[in-house]
Amino acid sequence: MPILPMGDYSICIAIAEGTQKEHIHHHWIHDAIMFTSHASSVVTGLVGIPMKNILLAIKQNHQGVISSNE
């Protein structure tokens, strides 16, 4: 879970049909899930994501084209 600044938070849930441009909301629940963050880490900005493992790989194919490891 991301590290959030200390405080109370809520999540709204919605069910809709259609595209992002044209849609119909069928149901919307405000404050469906409530929780409190008791962060013990320092957060810079609104959300902190723990970096436990970082991997960077670069491959070069037989034509000399470099691509990232995805």
C-alpha atoms as a PDB file:
ATOM      1  CA  MET A   1       0.000   0.000   0.000  1.00  0.00           C
ATOM      2  CA  PRO A   2       1.304   3.495  -0.719  1.00  0.00           C
ATOM      3  CA  ILE A   3       2.444   5.591   2.213  1.00  0.00           C
ATOM      4  CA  LEU A   4      -0.039   8.404   2.826  1.00  0.00           C
ATOM      5  CA  PRO A   5       0.367  11.415   5.086  1.00  0.00           C
ATOM      6  CA  MET A   6      -1.288  10.924   8.488  1.00  0.00           C
ATOM      7  CA  GLY A   7      -5.007  11.627   8.421  1.00  0.00           C
ATOM      8  CA  ASP A   8      -8.485  10.354   7.612  1.00  0.00           C
ATOM      9  CA  TYR A   9      -9.332   9.257   4.060  1.00  0.00           C
ATOM     10  CA  SER A  10     -12.373   7.969   2.179  1.00  0.00           C
ATOM     11  CA  ILE A  11     -12.901   6.179  -1.121  1.00  0.00           C
ATOM     12  CA  CYS A  12     -15.948   6.683  -3.343  1.00  0.00           C
ATOM     13  CA  ILE A  13     -17.220   3.834  -5.510  1.00  0.00           C
ATOM     14  CA  ALA A  14     -19.227   4.175  -8.738  1.00  0.00           C
ATOM     15  CA  ILE A  15     -20.733   1.903 -11.377  1.00  0.00           C
ATOM     16  CA  ALA A  16     -21.171   3.353 -14.859  1.00  0.00           C
ATOM     17  CA  GLU A  17     -21.771   2.186 -18.404  1.00  0.00           C
ATOM     18  CA  GLY A  18     -20.329   3.584 -21.638  1.00  0.00           C
ATOM     19  CA  THR A  19     -17.144   5.358 -22.650  1.00  0.00           C
ATOM     20  CA  GLN A  20     -15.220   7.976 -20.731  1.00  0.00           C
ATOM     21  CA  LYS A  21     -16.769  10.640 -22.995  1.00  0.00           C
ATOM     22  CA  GLU A  22     -20.374   9.363 -23.019  1.00  0.00           C
ATOM     23  CA  HIS A  23     -21.547   7.333 -20.053  1.00  0.00           C
ATOM     24  CA  ILE A  24     -24.396   6.818 -17.614  1.00  0.00           C
ATOM     25  CA  HIS A  25     -23.859   6.538 -13.867  1.00  0.00           C
ATOM     26  CA  HIS A  26     -25.909   3.688 -12.458  1.00  0.00           C
ATOM     27  CA  HIS A  27     -24.796   3.909  -8.832  1.00  0.00           C
ATOM     28  CA  TRP A  28     -22.485   6.128  -6.767  1.00  0.00           C
ATOM     29  CA  ILE A  29     -21.539   5.696  -3.109  1.00  0.00           C
ATOM     30  CA  HIS A  30     -19.795   8.609  -1.389  1.00  0.00           C
ATOM     31  CA  ASP A  31     -17.387   7.640   1.417  1.00  0.00           C
ATOM     32  CA  ALA A  32     -17.903   3.898   0.784  1.00  0.00           C
ATOM     33  CA  ILE A  33     -14.646   2.990   2.527  1.00  0.00           C
ATOM     34  CA  MET A  34     -13.208   5.064   5.370  1.00  0.00           C
ATOM     35  CA  PHE A  35      -9.708   4.593   6.787  1.00  0.00           C
ATOM     36  CA  THR A  36      -7.074   6.401   8.810  1.00  0.00           C
ATOM     37  CA  SER A  37      -3.393   6.545   7.871  1.00  0.00           C
ATOM     38  CA  HIS A  38      -0.943   6.226  10.746  1.00  0.00           C
ATOM     39  CA  ALA A  39       2.220   6.726   8.663  1.00  0.00           C
ATOM     40  CA  SER A  40       5.522   6.063  10.391  1.00  0.00           C
ATOM     41  CA  SER A  41       7.556   7.206   7.366  1.00  0.00           C
ATOM     42  CA  VAL A  42       8.169  10.663   5.993  1.00  0.00           C
ATOM     43  CA  VAL A  43       6.151  11.352   2.845  1.00  0.00           C
ATOM     44  CA  THR A  44       7.158  13.957   0.276  1.00  0.00           C
ATOM     45  CA  GLY A  45       4.089  15.109  -1.628  1.00  0.00           C
ATOM     46  CA  LEU A  46       0.681  13.434  -1.404  1.00  0.00           C
ATOM     47  CA  VAL A  47       1.665   9.769  -1.838  1.00  0.00           C
ATOM     48  CA  GLY A  48       4.887   7.874  -1.146  1.00  0.00           C
ATOM     49  CA  ILE A  49       5.553   4.514  -2.795  1.00  0.00           C
ATOM     50  CA  PRO A  50       8.191   2.331  -1.117  1.00  0.00           C
ATOM     51  CA  MET A  51      11.052   1.473  -3.472  1.00  0.00           C
ATOM     52  CA  LYS A  52      11.981  -2.035  -2.385  1.00  0.00           C
ATOM     53  CA  ASN A  53      13.472  -3.228  -5.663  1.00  0.00           C
ATOM     54  CA  ILE A  54      14.457  -1.320  -8.812  1.00  0.00           C
ATOM     55  CA  LEU A  55      15.619  -3.082 -11.983  1.00  0.00           C
ATOM     56  CA  LEU A  56      16.789  -1.448 -15.196  1.00  0.00           C
ATOM     57  CA  ALA A  57      17.810  -3.615 -18.124  1.00  0.00           C
ATOM     58  CA  ILE A  58      18.771  -2.623 -21.650  1.00  0.00           C
ATOM     59  CA  LYS A  59      18.948  -5.152 -24.473  1.00  0.00           C
ATOM     60  CA  GLN A  60      20.453  -4.802 -27.900  1.00  0.00           C
ATOM     61  CA  ASN A  61      19.104  -7.069 -30.650  1.00  0.00           C
ATOM     62  CA  HIS A  62      21.044  -8.455 -33.632  1.00  0.00           C
ATOM     63  CA  GLN A  63      20.216  -5.298 -35.658  1.00  0.00           C
ATOM     64  CA  GLY A  64      21.721  -3.027 -33.033  1.00  0.00           C
ATOM     65  CA  VAL A  65      18.353  -1.672 -31.863  1.00  0.00           C
ATOM     66  CA  ILE A  66      18.252  -0.957 -28.129  1.00  0.00           C
ATOM     67  CA  SER A  67      15.046  -1.703 -26.243  1.00  0.00           C
ATOM     68  CA  SER A  68      14.063  -1.650 -22.595  1.00  0.00           C
ATOM     69  CA  ASN A  69      13.176  -4.814 -20.688  1.00  0.00           C
ATOM     70  CA  GLU A  70       9.376  -4.694 -20.371  1.00  0.00           C
END
